[in-house]
Amino acid sequence: MPEIKIINMVLTEKEKAISLISNAIASYSLFTEKGSLPEKMSLIDFILKAAPDELKPIISMDLIDEVFKYVSKARMDDS
């Protein structure tokens, strides 16, 4: 049996922000479908409310846009 090496990896702050944005996009989509979002809540507001204070300085419109484009393309490719 081959030896299994366990590598201790730590996410960078940017990787954590990307993960949070991706999760928030998926959650926002589900809440939108169910009609359970507060009135007039935008995706940007939703992401920023979900983000812990230490990640907020990393989250930018460009990063949100890049993640959104990637997630949207990945969903379209799976269809």
PDB file of N, CA and C in Angstrom:
ATOM      1  N   MET A   1       0.843  -1.163   0.000  1.00  0.00           N
ATOM      2  CA  MET A   1       0.000   0.000   0.000  1.00  0.00           C
ATOM      3  C   MET A   1       0.905   1.248   0.000  1.00  0.00           C
ATOM      4  N   PRO A   2       0.616   2.217  -0.891  1.00  0.00           N
ATOM      5  CA  PRO A   2       1.473   3.405  -0.941  1.00  0.00           C
ATOM      6  C   PRO A   2       1.306   4.256   0.310  1.00  0.00           C
ATOM      7  N   GLU A   3       2.385   4.935   0.650  1.00  0.00           N
ATOM      8  CA  GLU A   3       2.358   5.815   1.813  1.00  0.00           C
ATOM      9  C   GLU A   3       1.538   7.066   1.499  1.00  0.00           C
ATOM     10  N   ILE A   4       0.693   7.439   2.407  1.00  0.00           N
ATOM     11  CA  ILE A   4      -0.127   8.642   2.248  1.00  0.00           C
ATOM     12  C   ILE A   4       0.534   9.754   3.040  1.00  0.00           C
ATOM     13  N   LYS A   5       0.858  10.832   2.326  1.00  0.00           N
ATOM     14  CA  LYS A   5       1.461  11.980   2.997  1.00  0.00           C
ATOM     15  C   LYS A   5       0.384  13.021   3.243  1.00  0.00           C
ATOM     16  N   ILE A   6       0.335  13.500   4.442  1.00  0.00           N
ATOM     17  CA  ILE A   6      -0.620  14.543   4.803  1.00  0.00           C
ATOM     18  C   ILE A   6       0.127  15.872   4.768  1.00  0.00           C
ATOM     19  N   ILE A   7      -0.388  16.746   3.912  1.00  0.00           N
ATOM     20  CA  ILE A   7       0.223  18.057   3.785  1.00  0.00           C
ATOM     21  C   ILE A   7      -0.673  19.059   4.485  1.00  0.00           C
ATOM     22  N   ASN A   8      -0.090  19.818   5.378  1.00  0.00           N
ATOM     23  CA  ASN A   8      -0.843  20.827   6.103  1.00  0.00           C
ATOM     24  C   ASN A   8      -0.854  22.106   5.277  1.00  0.00           C
ATOM     25  N   MET A   9      -1.998  22.401   4.656  1.00  0.00           N
ATOM     26  CA  MET A   9      -2.106  23.582   3.813  1.00  0.00           C
ATOM     27  C   MET A   9      -2.952  24.635   4.524  1.00  0.00           C
ATOM     28  N   VAL A  10      -2.579  25.867   4.332  1.00  0.00           N
ATOM     29  CA  VAL A  10      -3.305  26.981   4.913  1.00  0.00           C
ATOM     30  C   VAL A  10      -3.755  27.876   3.773  1.00  0.00           C
ATOM     31  N   LEU A  11      -5.024  28.246   3.786  1.00  0.00           N
ATOM     32  CA  LEU A  11      -5.538  29.136   2.754  1.00  0.00           C
ATOM     33  C   LEU A  11      -5.040  30.555   2.985  1.00  0.00           C
ATOM     34  N   THR A  12      -4.759  31.245   1.885  1.00  0.00           N
ATOM     35  CA  THR A  12      -4.417  32.661   1.995  1.00  0.00           C
ATOM     36  C   THR A  12      -5.708  33.443   2.247  1.00  0.00           C
ATOM     37  N   GLU A  13      -5.554  34.698   2.642  1.00  0.00           N
ATOM     38  CA  GLU A  13      -6.740  35.530   2.870  1.00  0.00           C
ATOM     39  C   GLU A  13      -7.533  35.695   1.570  1.00  0.00           C
ATOM     40  N   LYS A  14      -6.849  35.810   0.437  1.00  0.00           N
ATOM     41  CA  LYS A  14      -7.548  35.955  -0.843  1.00  0.00           C
ATOM     42  C   LYS A  14      -8.314  34.675  -1.178  1.00  0.00           C
ATOM     43  N   GLU A  15      -7.728  33.525  -0.928  1.00  0.00           N
ATOM     44  CA  GLU A  15      -8.420  32.258  -1.174  1.00  0.00           C
ATOM     45  C   GLU A  15      -9.657  32.132  -0.284  1.00  0.00           C
ATOM     46  N   LYS A  16      -9.540  32.577   0.948  1.00  0.00           N
ATOM     47  CA  LYS A  16     -10.696  32.563   1.850  1.00  0.00           C
ATOM     48  C   LYS A  16     -11.790  33.483   1.317  1.00  0.00           C
ATOM     49  N   ALA A  17     -11.411  34.652   0.830  1.00  0.00           N
ATOM     50  CA  ALA A  17     -12.385  35.606   0.278  1.00  0.00           C
ATOM     51  C   ALA A  17     -13.067  35.026  -0.954  1.00  0.00           C
ATOM     52  N   ILE A  18     -12.303  34.372  -1.807  1.00  0.00           N
ATOM     53  CA  ILE A  18     -12.868  33.753  -3.011  1.00  0.00           C
ATOM     54  C   ILE A  18     -13.862  32.668  -2.628  1.00  0.00           C
ATOM     55  N   SER A  19     -13.511  31.860  -1.653  1.00  0.00           N
ATOM     56  CA  SER A  19     -14.416  30.808  -1.179  1.00  0.00           C
ATOM     57  C   SER A  19     -15.699  31.399  -0.617  1.00  0.00           C
ATOM     58  N   LEU A  20     -15.569  32.446   0.181  1.00  0.00           N
ATOM     59  CA  LEU A  20     -16.735  33.102   0.766  1.00  0.00           C
ATOM     60  C   LEU A  20     -17.630  33.687  -0.328  1.00  0.00           C
ATOM     61  N   ILE A  21     -17.033  34.361  -1.308  1.00  0.00           N
ATOM     62  CA  ILE A  21     -17.806  34.962  -2.403  1.00  0.00           C
ATOM     63  C   ILE A  21     -18.542  33.881  -3.185  1.00  0.00           C
ATOM     64  N   SER A  22     -17.863  32.808  -3.502  1.00  0.00           N
ATOM     65  CA  SER A  22     -18.488  31.708  -4.236  1.00  0.00           C
ATOM     66  C   SER A  22     -19.671  31.122  -3.466  1.00  0.00           C
ATOM     67  N   ASN A  23     -19.475  30.901  -2.180  1.00  0.00           N
ATOM     68  CA  ASN A  23     -20.550  30.378  -1.330  1.00  0.00           C
ATOM     69  C   ASN A  23     -21.716  31.349  -1.248  1.00  0.00           C
ATOM     70  N   ALA A  24     -21.403  32.637  -1.120  1.00  0.00           N
ATOM     71  CA  ALA A  24     -22.452  33.650  -1.018  1.00  0.00           C
ATOM     72  C   ALA A  24     -23.256  33.746  -2.317  1.00  0.00           C
ATOM     73  N   ILE A  25     -22.586  33.607  -3.460  1.00  0.00           N
ATOM     74  CA  ILE A  25     -23.289  33.633  -4.745  1.00  0.00           C
ATOM     75  C   ILE A  25     -24.275  32.468  -4.823  1.00  0.00           C
ATOM     76  N   ALA A  26     -23.828  31.284  -4.423  1.00  0.00           N
ATOM     77  CA  ALA A  26     -24.702  30.111  -4.444  1.00  0.00           C
ATOM     78  C   ALA A  26     -25.875  30.286  -3.478  1.00  0.00           C
ATOM     79  N   SER A  27     -25.599  30.782  -2.283  1.00  0.00           N
ATOM     80  CA  SER A  27     -26.657  30.994  -1.289  1.00  0.00           C
ATOM     81  C   SER A  27     -27.646  32.051  -1.758  1.00  0.00           C
ATOM     82  N   TYR A  28     -27.133  33.133  -2.314  1.00  0.00           N
ATOM     83  CA  TYR A  28     -27.988  34.213  -2.812  1.00  0.00           C
ATOM     84  C   TYR A  28     -28.932  33.675  -3.881  1.00  0.00           C
ATOM     85  N   SER A  29     -28.403  32.845  -4.758  1.00  0.00           N
ATOM     86  CA  SER A  29     -29.214  32.248  -5.813  1.00  0.00           C
ATOM     87  C   SER A  29     -30.342  31.393  -5.228  1.00  0.00           C
ATOM     88  N   LEU A  30     -30.003  30.584  -4.235  1.00  0.00           N
ATOM     89  CA  LEU A  30     -31.020  29.726  -3.598  1.00  0.00           C
ATOM     90  C   LEU A  30     -32.073  30.552  -2.875  1.00  0.00           C
ATOM     91  N   PHE A  31     -31.637  31.556  -2.122  1.00  0.00           N
ATOM     92  CA  PHE A  31     -32.585  32.412  -1.404  1.00  0.00           C
ATOM     93  C   PHE A  31     -33.470  33.188  -2.373  1.00  0.00           C
ATOM     94  N   THR A  32     -32.897  33.596  -3.506  1.00  0.00           N
ATOM     95  CA  THR A  32     -33.682  34.311  -4.520  1.00  0.00           C
ATOM     96  C   THR A  32     -34.765  33.409  -5.086  1.00  0.00           C
ATOM     97  N   GLU A  33     -34.407  32.160  -5.393  1.00  0.00           N
ATOM     98  CA  GLU A  33     -35.377  31.199  -5.931  1.00  0.00           C
ATOM     99  C   GLU A  33     -36.512  30.951  -4.944  1.00  0.00           C
ATOM    100  N   LYS A  34     -36.193  30.911  -3.653  1.00  0.00           N
ATOM    101  CA  LYS A  34     -37.206  30.660  -2.619  1.00  0.00           C
ATOM    102  C   LYS A  34     -37.986  31.925  -2.248  1.00  0.00           C
ATOM    103  N   GLY A  35     -37.498  33.081  -2.716  1.00  0.00           N
ATOM    104  CA  GLY A  35     -38.149  34.338  -2.361  1.00  0.00           C
ATOM    105  C   GLY A  35     -37.963  34.704  -0.907  1.00  0.00           C
ATOM    106  N   SER A  36     -36.861  34.284  -0.312  1.00  0.00           N
ATOM    107  CA  SER A  36     -36.673  34.521   1.115  1.00  0.00           C
ATOM    108  C   SER A  36     -35.569  35.536   1.443  1.00  0.00           C
ATOM    109  N   LEU A  37     -35.230  36.373   0.489  1.00  0.00           N
ATOM    110  CA  LEU A  37     -34.260  37.437   0.743  1.00  0.00           C
ATOM    111  C   LEU A  37     -34.979  38.678   1.246  1.00  0.00           C
ATOM    112  N   PRO A  38     -34.312  39.449   2.097  1.00  0.00           N
ATOM    113  CA  PRO A  38     -34.913  40.730   2.483  1.00  0.00           C
ATOM    114  C   PRO A  38     -35.101  41.593   1.225  1.00  0.00           C
ATOM    115  N   GLU A  39     -36.111  42.426   1.253  1.00  0.00           N
ATOM    116  CA  GLU A  39     -36.444  43.254   0.100  1.00  0.00           C
ATOM    117  C   GLU A  39     -35.271  44.146  -0.306  1.00  0.00           C
ATOM    118  N   LYS A  40     -35.031  44.226  -1.585  1.00  0.00           N
ATOM    119  CA  LYS A  40     -33.999  45.085  -2.190  1.00  0.00           C
ATOM    120  C   LYS A  40     -32.580  44.757  -1.742  1.00  0.00           C
ATOM    121  N   MET A  41     -32.302  43.524  -1.391  1.00  0.00           N
ATOM    122  CA  MET A  41     -30.936  43.147  -1.035  1.00  0.00           C
ATOM    123  C   MET A  41     -30.208  42.710  -2.305  1.00  0.00           C
ATOM    124  N   SER A  42     -29.128  43.398  -2.590  1.00  0.00           N
ATOM    125  CA  SER A  42     -28.344  43.063  -3.774  1.00  0.00           C
ATOM    126  C   SER A  42     -27.345  41.957  -3.449  1.00  0.00           C
ATOM    127  N   LEU A  43     -26.791  41.369  -4.488  1.00  0.00           N
ATOM    128  CA  LEU A  43     -25.771  40.338  -4.304  1.00  0.00           C
ATOM    129  C   LEU A  43     -24.570  40.913  -3.555  1.00  0.00           C
ATOM    130  N   ILE A  44     -24.196  42.134  -3.897  1.00  0.00           N
ATOM    131  CA  ILE A  44     -23.053  42.766  -3.238  1.00  0.00           C
ATOM    132  C   ILE A  44     -23.323  42.928  -1.736  1.00  0.00           C
ATOM    133  N   ASP A  45     -24.494  43.429  -1.395  1.00  0.00           N
ATOM    134  CA  ASP A  45     -24.869  43.570   0.024  1.00  0.00           C
ATOM    135  C   ASP A  45     -24.826  42.216   0.733  1.00  0.00           C
ATOM    136  N   PHE A  46     -25.350  41.200   0.061  1.00  0.00           N
ATOM    137  CA  PHE A  46     -25.393  39.851   0.631  1.00  0.00           C
ATOM    138  C   PHE A  46     -23.975  39.349   0.914  1.00  0.00           C
ATOM    139  N   ILE A  47     -23.083  39.530  -0.045  1.00  0.00           N
ATOM    140  CA  ILE A  47     -21.694  39.084   0.127  1.00  0.00           C
ATOM    141  C   ILE A  47     -21.039  39.824   1.283  1.00  0.00           C
ATOM    142  N   LEU A  48     -21.211  41.139   1.326  1.00  0.00           N
ATOM    143  CA  LEU A  48     -20.569  41.917   2.383  1.00  0.00           C
ATOM    144  C   LEU A  48     -21.130  41.609   3.762  1.00  0.00           C
ATOM    145  N   LYS A  49     -22.419  41.286   3.850  1.00  0.00           N
ATOM    146  CA  LYS A  49     -22.995  40.902   5.152  1.00  0.00           C
ATOM    147  C   LYS A  49     -22.469  39.540   5.601  1.00  0.00           C
ATOM    148  N   ALA A  50     -22.144  38.674   4.636  1.00  0.00           N
ATOM    149  CA  ALA A  50     -21.636  37.340   4.971  1.00  0.00           C
ATOM    150  C   ALA A  50     -20.149  37.358   5.318  1.00  0.00           C
ATOM    151  N   ALA A  51     -19.448  38.400   4.907  1.00  0.00           N
ATOM    152  CA  ALA A  51     -17.996  38.446   5.082  1.00  0.00           C
ATOM    153  C   ALA A  51     -17.602  38.882   6.486  1.00  0.00           C
ATOM    154  N   PRO A  52     -16.664  38.159   7.086  1.00  0.00           N
ATOM    155  CA  PRO A  52     -16.131  38.623   8.367  1.00  0.00           C
ATOM    156  C   PRO A  52     -15.295  39.890   8.142  1.00  0.00           C
ATOM    157  N   ASP A  53     -15.183  40.707   9.151  1.00  0.00           N
ATOM    158  CA  ASP A  53     -14.489  41.990   9.041  1.00  0.00           C
ATOM    159  C   ASP A  53     -13.063  41.858   8.491  1.00  0.00           C
ATOM    160  N   GLU A  54     -12.367  40.793   8.854  1.00  0.00           N
ATOM    161  CA  GLU A  54     -10.974  40.664   8.417  1.00  0.00           C
ATOM    162  C   GLU A  54     -10.842  40.398   6.915  1.00  0.00           C
ATOM    163  N   LEU A  55     -11.909  39.933   6.260  1.00  0.00           N
ATOM    164  CA  LEU A  55     -11.856  39.683   4.816  1.00  0.00           C
ATOM    165  C   LEU A  55     -12.415  40.841   3.989  1.00  0.00           C
ATOM    166  N   LYS A  56     -13.152  41.729   4.595  1.00  0.00           N
ATOM    167  CA  LYS A  56     -13.777  42.830   3.847  1.00  0.00           C
ATOM    168  C   LYS A  56     -12.784  43.692   3.077  1.00  0.00           C
ATOM    169  N   PRO A  57     -11.590  43.978   3.614  1.00  0.00           N
ATOM    170  CA  PRO A  57     -10.645  44.787   2.829  1.00  0.00           C
ATOM    171  C   PRO A  57     -10.159  44.092   1.553  1.00  0.00           C
ATOM    172  N   ILE A  58     -10.229  42.784   1.507  1.00  0.00           N
ATOM    173  CA  ILE A  58      -9.764  42.024   0.345  1.00  0.00           C
ATOM    174  C   ILE A  58     -10.837  41.954  -0.735  1.00  0.00           C
ATOM    175  N   ILE A  59     -12.085  41.992  -0.323  1.00  0.00           N
ATOM    176  CA  ILE A  59     -13.202  41.844  -1.259  1.00  0.00           C
ATOM    177  C   ILE A  59     -13.400  43.144  -2.027  1.00  0.00           C
ATOM    178  N   SER A  60     -13.315  43.028  -3.337  1.00  0.00           N
ATOM    179  CA  SER A  60     -13.500  44.186  -4.215  1.00  0.00           C
ATOM    180  C   SER A  60     -14.529  43.830  -5.287  1.00  0.00           C
ATOM    181  N   MET A  61     -14.998  44.840  -5.977  1.00  0.00           N
ATOM    182  CA  MET A  61     -15.938  44.596  -7.079  1.00  0.00           C
ATOM    183  C   MET A  61     -15.279  43.743  -8.156  1.00  0.00           C
ATOM    184  N   ASP A  62     -14.008  43.983  -8.421  1.00  0.00           N
ATOM    185  CA  ASP A  62     -13.297  43.187  -9.431  1.00  0.00           C
ATOM    186  C   ASP A  62     -13.228  41.715  -9.023  1.00  0.00           C
ATOM    187  N   LEU A  63     -12.956  41.452  -7.748  1.00  0.00           N
ATOM    188  CA  LEU A  63     -12.877  40.065  -7.279  1.00  0.00           C
ATOM    189  C   LEU A  63     -14.252  39.402  -7.335  1.00  0.00           C
ATOM    190  N   ILE A  64     -15.272  40.111  -6.896  1.00  0.00           N
ATOM    191  CA  ILE A  64     -16.634  39.564  -6.951  1.00  0.00           C
ATOM    192  C   ILE A  64     -17.013  39.272  -8.400  1.00  0.00           C
ATOM    193  N   ASP A  65     -16.710  40.198  -9.297  1.00  0.00           N
ATOM    194  CA  ASP A  65     -17.029  40.025 -10.714  1.00  0.00           C
ATOM    195  C   ASP A  65     -16.294  38.827 -11.306  1.00  0.00           C
ATOM    196  N   GLU A  66     -15.020  38.686 -10.969  1.00  0.00           N
ATOM    197  CA  GLU A  66     -14.229  37.570 -11.484  1.00  0.00           C
ATOM    198  C   GLU A  66     -14.785  36.228 -10.997  1.00  0.00           C
ATOM    199  N   VAL A  67     -15.109  36.145  -9.713  1.00  0.00           N
ATOM    200  CA  VAL A  67     -15.659  34.901  -9.156  1.00  0.00           C
ATOM    201  C   VAL A  67     -17.031  34.627  -9.774  1.00  0.00           C
ATOM    202  N   PHE A  68     -17.860  35.665  -9.897  1.00  0.00           N
ATOM    203  CA  PHE A  68     -19.194  35.500 -10.477  1.00  0.00           C
ATOM    204  C   PHE A  68     -19.104  34.972 -11.908  1.00  0.00           C
ATOM    205  N   LYS A  69     -18.203  35.539 -12.702  1.00  0.00           N
ATOM    206  CA  LYS A  69     -18.027  35.074 -14.088  1.00  0.00           C
ATOM    207  C   LYS A  69     -17.599  33.612 -14.126  1.00  0.00           C
ATOM    208  N   TYR A  70     -16.662  33.248 -13.254  1.00  0.00           N
ATOM    209  CA  TYR A  70     -16.179  31.873 -13.225  1.00  0.00           C
ATOM    210  C   TYR A  70     -17.273  30.898 -12.802  1.00  0.00           C
ATOM    211  N   VAL A  71     -17.987  31.244 -11.733  1.00  0.00           N
ATOM    212  CA  VAL A  71     -19.058  30.374 -11.236  1.00  0.00           C
ATOM    213  C   VAL A  71     -20.167  30.239 -12.290  1.00  0.00           C
ATOM    214  N   SER A  72     -20.525  31.346 -12.929  1.00  0.00           N
ATOM    215  CA  SER A  72     -21.567  31.313 -13.959  1.00  0.00           C
ATOM    216  C   SER A  72     -21.144  30.449 -15.134  1.00  0.00           C
ATOM    217  N   LYS A  73     -19.902  30.582 -15.559  1.00  0.00           N
ATOM    218  CA  LYS A  73     -19.403  29.794 -16.685  1.00  0.00           C
ATOM    219  C   LYS A  73     -19.358  28.311 -16.324  1.00  0.00           C
ATOM    220  N   ALA A  74     -18.907  28.013 -15.112  1.00  0.00           N
ATOM    221  CA  ALA A  74     -18.846  26.620 -14.664  1.00  0.00           C
ATOM    222  C   ALA A  74     -20.229  25.985 -14.630  1.00  0.00           C
ATOM    223  N   ARG A  75     -21.238  26.734 -14.193  1.00  0.00           N
ATOM    224  CA  ARG A  75     -22.622  26.212 -14.157  1.00  0.00           C
ATOM    225  C   ARG A  75     -23.142  25.978 -15.570  1.00  0.00           C
ATOM    226  N   MET A  76     -22.805  26.887 -16.490  1.00  0.00           N
ATOM    227  CA  MET A  76     -23.251  26.758 -17.875  1.00  0.00           C
ATOM    228  C   MET A  76     -22.584  25.561 -18.550  1.00  0.00           C
ATOM    229  N   ASP A  77     -21.302  25.320 -18.234  1.00  0.00           N
ATOM    230  CA  ASP A  77     -20.578  24.195 -18.811  1.00  0.00           C
ATOM    231  C   ASP A  77     -21.125  22.859 -18.311  1.00  0.00           C
ATOM    232  N   ASP A  78     -21.686  22.841 -17.106  1.00  0.00           N
ATOM    233  CA  ASP A  78     -22.257  21.612 -16.538  1.00  0.00           C
ATOM    234  C   ASP A  78     -23.617  21.274 -17.117  1.00  0.00           C
ATOM    235  N   SER A  79     -24.286  22.253 -17.728  1.00  0.00           N
ATOM    236  CA  SER A  79     -25.634  22.041 -18.252  1.00  0.00           C
ATOM    237  C   SER A  79     -25.645  21.186 -19.479  1.00  0.00           C
TER     238      SER A  79
END
